[in-house]
Amino acid sequence: MRRSRLFRFYRLRRRIISLRNLATRASKTFYTTGNRHGTWKFANEQGNHTLPQPVLAIYPTHDPVADWVKAAELLQSESFLPRLTTATVEGSHWIQMENPGPFNAALKNWLEANFGRSSRAEDEL
């Protein structure tokens, strides 16, 4: 006996919905407490808590969320980031949008100081 088109359509639709739900559950598992703890535990057991690459932190001067300069001092960020460069830019939480000129200047200076070439795009081919 042949099934109707409508029946096949609803069966396919139900399958698609179940796959979407599966994908949503899988993407949210990273944020669960168990996985966050597992990630922290793995990183902590490695023993090396420093990041040796050059790092730039551009802090805003008037962020309502936190005083990031003070937070970096309290957390002793420089002990974990030996090649840390910091800069402050006038603005609140989204300084790259609020004050793009000084933000981009700080970023460009850091790129040129650490990588010694213009930040202009180059053809790789």
N, C-alpha and C. Protein backbone atom coordinates (compact mmCIF):
# COMPACT_ATOMS: atom_id res chain seq x y z
N MET A 1 0.83 -1.17 0.00
CA MET A 1 0.00 0.00 0.00
C MET A 1 0.89 1.24 0.00
N ARG A 2 0.59 2.13 -0.86
CA ARG A 2 1.39 3.33 -1.01
C ARG A 2 0.92 4.42 -0.06
N ARG A 3 1.86 5.08 0.60
CA ARG A 3 1.51 6.14 1.54
C ARG A 3 1.28 7.44 0.80
N SER A 4 0.44 8.24 1.36
CA SER A 4 0.11 9.51 0.71
C SER A 4 1.26 10.50 0.81
N ARG A 5 1.26 11.46 -0.07
CA ARG A 5 2.27 12.51 -0.05
C ARG A 5 2.23 13.28 1.27
N LEU A 6 1.04 13.55 1.75
CA LEU A 6 0.88 14.29 2.98
C LEU A 6 1.51 13.55 4.16
N PHE A 7 1.31 12.24 4.21
CA PHE A 7 1.90 11.44 5.27
C PHE A 7 3.43 11.51 5.21
N ARG A 8 3.99 11.38 4.00
CA ARG A 8 5.45 11.45 3.85
C ARG A 8 5.97 12.83 4.22
N PHE A 9 5.22 13.87 3.87
CA PHE A 9 5.62 15.23 4.21
C PHE A 9 5.71 15.40 5.73
N TYR A 10 4.67 14.96 6.44
CA TYR A 10 4.67 15.11 7.90
C TYR A 10 5.74 14.26 8.56
N ARG A 11 6.01 13.12 8.01
CA ARG A 11 7.07 12.26 8.54
C ARG A 11 8.43 12.94 8.37
N LEU A 12 8.67 13.52 7.20
CA LEU A 12 9.92 14.24 6.95
C LEU A 12 10.02 15.46 7.86
N ARG A 13 8.92 16.17 8.00
CA ARG A 13 8.91 17.35 8.85
C ARG A 13 9.25 16.99 10.30
N ARG A 14 8.68 15.91 10.81
CA ARG A 14 8.95 15.46 12.17
C ARG A 14 10.44 15.10 12.32
N ARG A 15 11.01 14.49 11.31
CA ARG A 15 12.44 14.13 11.34
C ARG A 15 13.33 15.37 11.37
N ILE A 16 12.99 16.36 10.57
CA ILE A 16 13.77 17.61 10.54
C ILE A 16 13.71 18.30 11.90
N ILE A 17 12.54 18.36 12.49
CA ILE A 17 12.39 18.99 13.80
C ILE A 17 13.21 18.26 14.85
N SER A 18 13.21 16.93 14.82
CA SER A 18 13.98 16.19 15.81
C SER A 18 15.48 16.42 15.62
N LEU A 19 15.94 16.54 14.38
CA LEU A 19 17.36 16.83 14.13
C LEU A 19 17.73 18.23 14.61
N ARG A 20 16.84 19.19 14.41
CA ARG A 20 17.10 20.55 14.91
C ARG A 20 17.22 20.55 16.42
N ASN A 21 16.34 19.84 17.09
CA ASN A 21 16.40 19.77 18.55
C ASN A 21 17.70 19.13 19.02
N LEU A 22 18.14 18.11 18.33
CA LEU A 22 19.40 17.45 18.67
C LEU A 22 20.56 18.41 18.52
N ALA A 23 20.59 19.17 17.42
CA ALA A 23 21.67 20.14 17.19
C ALA A 23 21.67 21.23 18.26
N THR A 24 20.51 21.68 18.66
CA THR A 24 20.41 22.71 19.69
C THR A 24 20.94 22.20 21.01
N ARG A 25 20.57 20.98 21.38
CA ARG A 25 21.06 20.41 22.63
C ARG A 25 22.57 20.25 22.60
N ALA A 26 23.11 19.81 21.48
CA ALA A 26 24.56 19.59 21.37
C ALA A 26 25.31 20.91 21.49
N SER A 27 24.78 21.98 20.91
CA SER A 27 25.50 23.25 20.97
C SER A 27 25.45 23.88 22.35
N LYS A 28 24.45 23.54 23.14
CA LYS A 28 24.33 24.12 24.48
C LYS A 28 25.14 23.37 25.52
N THR A 29 25.61 22.18 25.22
CA THR A 29 26.29 21.39 26.24
C THR A 29 27.61 22.00 26.68
N PHE A 30 28.24 22.81 25.83
CA PHE A 30 29.50 23.44 26.22
C PHE A 30 29.29 24.34 27.43
N TYR A 31 28.11 24.94 27.53
CA TYR A 31 27.85 25.92 28.57
C TYR A 31 27.35 25.30 29.87
N THR A 32 27.20 24.00 29.92
CA THR A 32 26.73 23.38 31.15
C THR A 32 27.85 23.35 32.17
N THR A 33 27.48 23.30 33.43
CA THR A 33 28.47 23.36 34.51
C THR A 33 29.49 22.25 34.41
N GLY A 34 29.04 21.05 34.11
CA GLY A 34 29.98 19.92 34.02
C GLY A 34 31.04 20.13 32.96
N ASN A 35 30.65 20.61 31.81
CA ASN A 35 31.62 20.83 30.75
C ASN A 35 32.54 22.00 31.03
N ARG A 36 32.02 23.05 31.65
CA ARG A 36 32.88 24.18 32.01
C ARG A 36 33.92 23.72 33.03
N HIS A 37 33.49 22.91 33.98
CA HIS A 37 34.43 22.41 34.98
C HIS A 37 35.47 21.49 34.32
N GLY A 38 35.02 20.65 33.40
CA GLY A 38 35.95 19.76 32.71
C GLY A 38 36.98 20.53 31.90
N THR A 39 36.56 21.59 31.24
CA THR A 39 37.49 22.42 30.47
C THR A 39 38.50 23.08 31.40
N TRP A 40 38.01 23.63 32.51
CA TRP A 40 38.91 24.26 33.47
C TRP A 40 39.88 23.23 34.04
N LYS A 41 39.37 22.05 34.40
CA LYS A 41 40.21 21.02 34.99
C LYS A 41 41.31 20.59 34.03
N PHE A 42 40.97 20.39 32.76
CA PHE A 42 41.97 20.00 31.77
C PHE A 42 43.04 21.07 31.64
N ALA A 43 42.63 22.32 31.52
CA ALA A 43 43.60 23.42 31.38
C ALA A 43 44.44 23.56 32.64
N ASN A 44 43.83 23.40 33.80
CA ASN A 44 44.55 23.56 35.06
C ASN A 44 45.59 22.45 35.25
N GLU A 45 45.28 21.25 34.81
CA GLU A 45 46.21 20.13 34.98
C GLU A 45 47.42 20.23 34.07
N GLN A 46 47.36 21.08 33.05
CA GLN A 46 48.51 21.23 32.15
C GLN A 46 49.69 21.89 32.87
N GLY A 47 49.39 22.69 33.89
CA GLY A 47 50.45 23.27 34.70
C GLY A 47 50.99 24.59 34.20
N ASN A 48 50.89 24.87 32.93
CA ASN A 48 51.40 26.13 32.39
C ASN A 48 50.22 27.07 32.21
N HIS A 49 50.15 28.07 33.04
CA HIS A 49 49.01 28.98 33.03
C HIS A 49 49.33 30.29 32.34
N THR A 50 50.36 30.31 31.53
CA THR A 50 50.72 31.55 30.84
C THR A 50 50.44 31.44 29.35
N LEU A 51 50.27 32.58 28.74
CA LEU A 51 50.07 32.67 27.30
C LEU A 51 51.28 33.42 26.75
N PRO A 52 52.21 32.74 26.06
CA PRO A 52 53.45 33.38 25.64
C PRO A 52 53.32 34.29 24.42
N GLN A 53 52.22 34.24 23.71
CA GLN A 53 52.05 35.06 22.52
C GLN A 53 51.82 36.53 22.89
N PRO A 54 52.08 37.44 21.95
CA PRO A 54 51.77 38.85 22.21
C PRO A 54 50.27 39.03 22.41
N VAL A 55 49.92 39.83 23.39
CA VAL A 55 48.52 40.08 23.73
C VAL A 55 48.30 41.58 23.86
N LEU A 56 47.23 42.07 23.28
CA LEU A 56 46.85 43.47 23.43
C LEU A 56 45.53 43.55 24.18
N ALA A 57 45.50 44.37 25.22
CA ALA A 57 44.26 44.63 25.95
C ALA A 57 44.00 46.13 25.86
N ILE A 58 42.89 46.49 25.23
CA ILE A 58 42.51 47.89 25.13
C ILE A 58 41.34 48.10 26.08
N TYR A 59 41.58 48.86 27.13
CA TYR A 59 40.58 49.06 28.17
C TYR A 59 39.84 50.38 27.97
N PRO A 60 38.53 50.39 28.21
CA PRO A 60 37.77 51.65 28.16
C PRO A 60 37.96 52.42 29.46
N THR A 61 37.79 53.73 29.39
CA THR A 61 37.97 54.56 30.59
C THR A 61 36.71 54.69 31.43
N HIS A 62 35.54 54.54 30.82
CA HIS A 62 34.29 54.77 31.55
C HIS A 62 33.30 53.61 31.39
N ASP A 63 33.76 52.39 31.54
CA ASP A 63 32.88 51.24 31.37
C ASP A 63 32.00 51.08 32.60
N PRO A 64 30.67 51.03 32.43
CA PRO A 64 29.79 50.84 33.59
C PRO A 64 29.85 49.43 34.16
N VAL A 65 30.39 48.49 33.41
CA VAL A 65 30.46 47.10 33.87
C VAL A 65 31.57 46.92 34.90
N ALA A 66 32.76 47.46 34.62
CA ALA A 66 33.89 47.28 35.53
C ALA A 66 34.99 48.28 35.22
N ASP A 67 35.87 48.45 36.18
CA ASP A 67 37.10 49.21 35.96
C ASP A 67 38.14 48.17 35.53
N TRP A 68 38.32 48.02 34.23
CA TRP A 68 39.13 46.93 33.69
C TRP A 68 40.61 47.07 34.01
N VAL A 69 41.09 48.29 34.12
CA VAL A 69 42.50 48.48 34.49
C VAL A 69 42.72 47.95 35.90
N LYS A 70 41.82 48.31 36.81
CA LYS A 70 41.92 47.83 38.19
C LYS A 70 41.73 46.31 38.26
N ALA A 71 40.79 45.79 37.48
CA ALA A 71 40.56 44.33 37.46
C ALA A 71 41.81 43.59 37.00
N ALA A 72 42.48 44.11 35.98
CA ALA A 72 43.70 43.47 35.49
C ALA A 72 44.80 43.49 36.55
N GLU A 73 44.87 44.59 37.30
CA GLU A 73 45.86 44.67 38.39
C GLU A 73 45.53 43.65 39.48
N LEU A 74 44.27 43.59 39.88
CA LEU A 74 43.87 42.66 40.94
C LEU A 74 44.07 41.20 40.53
N LEU A 75 43.80 40.90 39.27
CA LEU A 75 43.96 39.53 38.78
C LEU A 75 45.39 39.19 38.40
N GLN A 76 46.27 40.18 38.45
CA GLN A 76 47.69 40.02 38.09
C GLN A 76 47.83 39.44 36.69
N SER A 77 47.14 40.06 35.76
CA SER A 77 47.14 39.58 34.37
C SER A 77 48.53 39.49 33.78
N GLU A 78 49.40 40.44 34.14
CA GLU A 78 50.75 40.44 33.56
C GLU A 78 51.56 39.21 33.93
N SER A 79 51.24 38.57 35.06
CA SER A 79 51.98 37.36 35.44
C SER A 79 51.58 36.17 34.57
N PHE A 80 50.39 36.21 33.97
CA PHE A 80 49.94 35.14 33.09
C PHE A 80 50.14 35.48 31.61
N LEU A 81 50.34 36.76 31.34
CA LEU A 81 50.52 37.24 29.97
C LEU A 81 51.81 38.05 29.90
N PRO A 82 52.97 37.37 29.81
CA PRO A 82 54.24 38.08 29.87
C PRO A 82 54.46 39.08 28.73
N ARG A 83 53.77 38.91 27.62
CA ARG A 83 53.94 39.84 26.49
C ARG A 83 52.70 40.72 26.32
N LEU A 84 52.10 41.08 27.45
CA LEU A 84 50.89 41.89 27.46
C LEU A 84 51.22 43.36 27.22
N THR A 85 50.47 43.96 26.33
CA THR A 85 50.51 45.40 26.10
C THR A 85 49.12 45.92 26.41
N THR A 86 49.05 47.00 27.19
CA THR A 86 47.75 47.57 27.51
C THR A 86 47.65 48.99 26.97
N ALA A 87 46.44 49.37 26.65
CA ALA A 87 46.15 50.73 26.21
C ALA A 87 44.77 51.08 26.74
N THR A 88 44.54 52.35 26.96
CA THR A 88 43.20 52.80 27.36
C THR A 88 42.67 53.75 26.31
N VAL A 89 41.38 53.64 26.08
CA VAL A 89 40.70 54.49 25.10
C VAL A 89 39.47 55.08 25.77
N GLU A 90 39.25 56.34 25.53
CA GLU A 90 38.09 57.05 26.06
C GLU A 90 36.81 56.38 25.56
N GLY A 91 35.93 55.99 26.47
CA GLY A 91 34.67 55.38 26.06
C GLY A 91 34.11 54.45 27.11
N SER A 92 32.99 53.81 26.76
CA SER A 92 32.31 52.89 27.68
C SER A 92 32.61 51.45 27.31
N HIS A 93 31.57 50.66 27.17
CA HIS A 93 31.74 49.22 27.00
C HIS A 93 32.14 48.81 25.59
N TRP A 94 31.66 49.51 24.56
CA TRP A 94 31.96 49.15 23.17
C TRP A 94 32.88 50.19 22.56
N ILE A 95 34.10 50.28 23.05
CA ILE A 95 35.00 51.35 22.62
C ILE A 95 35.34 51.27 21.14
N GLN A 96 35.36 50.09 20.57
CA GLN A 96 35.68 49.97 19.14
C GLN A 96 34.60 50.61 18.29
N MET A 97 33.37 50.70 18.81
CA MET A 97 32.28 51.35 18.08
C MET A 97 32.14 52.82 18.48
N GLU A 98 32.37 53.11 19.75
CA GLU A 98 32.18 54.47 20.26
C GLU A 98 33.30 55.41 19.85
N ASN A 99 34.51 54.90 19.80
CA ASN A 99 35.67 55.74 19.55
C ASN A 99 36.64 54.99 18.63
N PRO A 100 36.25 54.73 17.38
CA PRO A 100 37.06 53.87 16.51
C PRO A 100 38.43 54.44 16.15
N GLY A 101 38.56 55.75 16.07
CA GLY A 101 39.85 56.33 15.69
C GLY A 101 40.98 55.96 16.64
N PRO A 102 40.86 56.32 17.93
CA PRO A 102 41.90 55.95 18.88
C PRO A 102 42.04 54.43 19.08
N PHE A 103 40.93 53.72 19.01
CA PHE A 103 40.98 52.26 19.13
C PHE A 103 41.81 51.66 18.00
N ASN A 104 41.52 52.06 16.77
CA ASN A 104 42.26 51.54 15.62
C ASN A 104 43.71 51.97 15.64
N ALA A 105 43.99 53.18 16.13
CA ALA A 105 45.38 53.64 16.23
C ALA A 105 46.16 52.78 17.22
N ALA A 106 45.55 52.47 18.37
CA ALA A 106 46.22 51.61 19.36
C ALA A 106 46.46 50.22 18.79
N LEU A 107 45.47 49.69 18.08
CA LEU A 107 45.61 48.37 17.48
C LEU A 107 46.69 48.36 16.40
N LYS A 108 46.71 49.38 15.55
CA LYS A 108 47.71 49.47 14.48
C LYS A 108 49.12 49.59 15.06
N ASN A 109 49.29 50.44 16.07
CA ASN A 109 50.61 50.58 16.70
C ASN A 109 51.09 49.26 17.29
N TRP A 110 50.18 48.53 17.93
CA TRP A 110 50.54 47.25 18.52
C TRP A 110 50.92 46.23 17.44
N LEU A 111 50.14 46.18 16.38
CA LEU A 111 50.44 45.24 15.28
C LEU A 111 51.79 45.54 14.67
N GLU A 112 52.07 46.82 14.41
CA GLU A 112 53.35 47.19 13.81
C GLU A 112 54.51 46.92 14.76
N ALA A 113 54.31 47.17 16.06
CA ALA A 113 55.38 46.93 17.03
C ALA A 113 55.67 45.45 17.21
N ASN A 114 54.65 44.61 17.12
CA ASN A 114 54.84 43.18 17.36
C ASN A 114 55.11 42.37 16.11
N PHE A 115 54.68 42.84 14.98
CA PHE A 115 54.83 42.05 13.76
C PHE A 115 55.64 42.77 12.70
N GLY A 116 56.08 43.99 12.99
CA GLY A 116 57.05 44.70 12.18
C GLY A 116 56.70 44.99 10.74
N ARG A 117 55.47 44.98 10.39
CA ARG A 117 55.11 45.31 9.01
C ARG A 117 53.78 46.04 9.02
N SER A 118 53.47 46.58 7.92
CA SER A 118 52.21 47.31 7.80
C SER A 118 51.05 46.34 7.98
N SER A 119 49.98 46.85 8.54
CA SER A 119 48.81 46.00 8.73
C SER A 119 47.95 45.96 7.47
N ARG A 120 48.49 46.45 6.37
CA ARG A 120 47.78 46.43 5.09
C ARG A 120 47.65 44.98 4.62
N ALA A 121 46.53 44.67 4.04
CA ALA A 121 46.30 43.31 3.52
C ALA A 121 47.30 43.01 2.41
N GLU A 122 47.79 41.79 2.41
CA GLU A 122 48.74 41.36 1.39
C GLU A 122 48.18 40.16 0.66
N ASP A 123 48.50 40.08 -0.61
CA ASP A 123 48.08 38.94 -1.41
C ASP A 123 48.96 37.75 -1.05
N GLU A 124 48.36 36.66 -0.63
CA GLU A 124 49.12 35.49 -0.20
C GLU A 124 49.50 34.58 -1.35
N LEU A 125 48.97 34.83 -2.53
CA LEU A 125 49.27 33.96 -3.66
C LEU A 125 50.34 34.51 -4.47
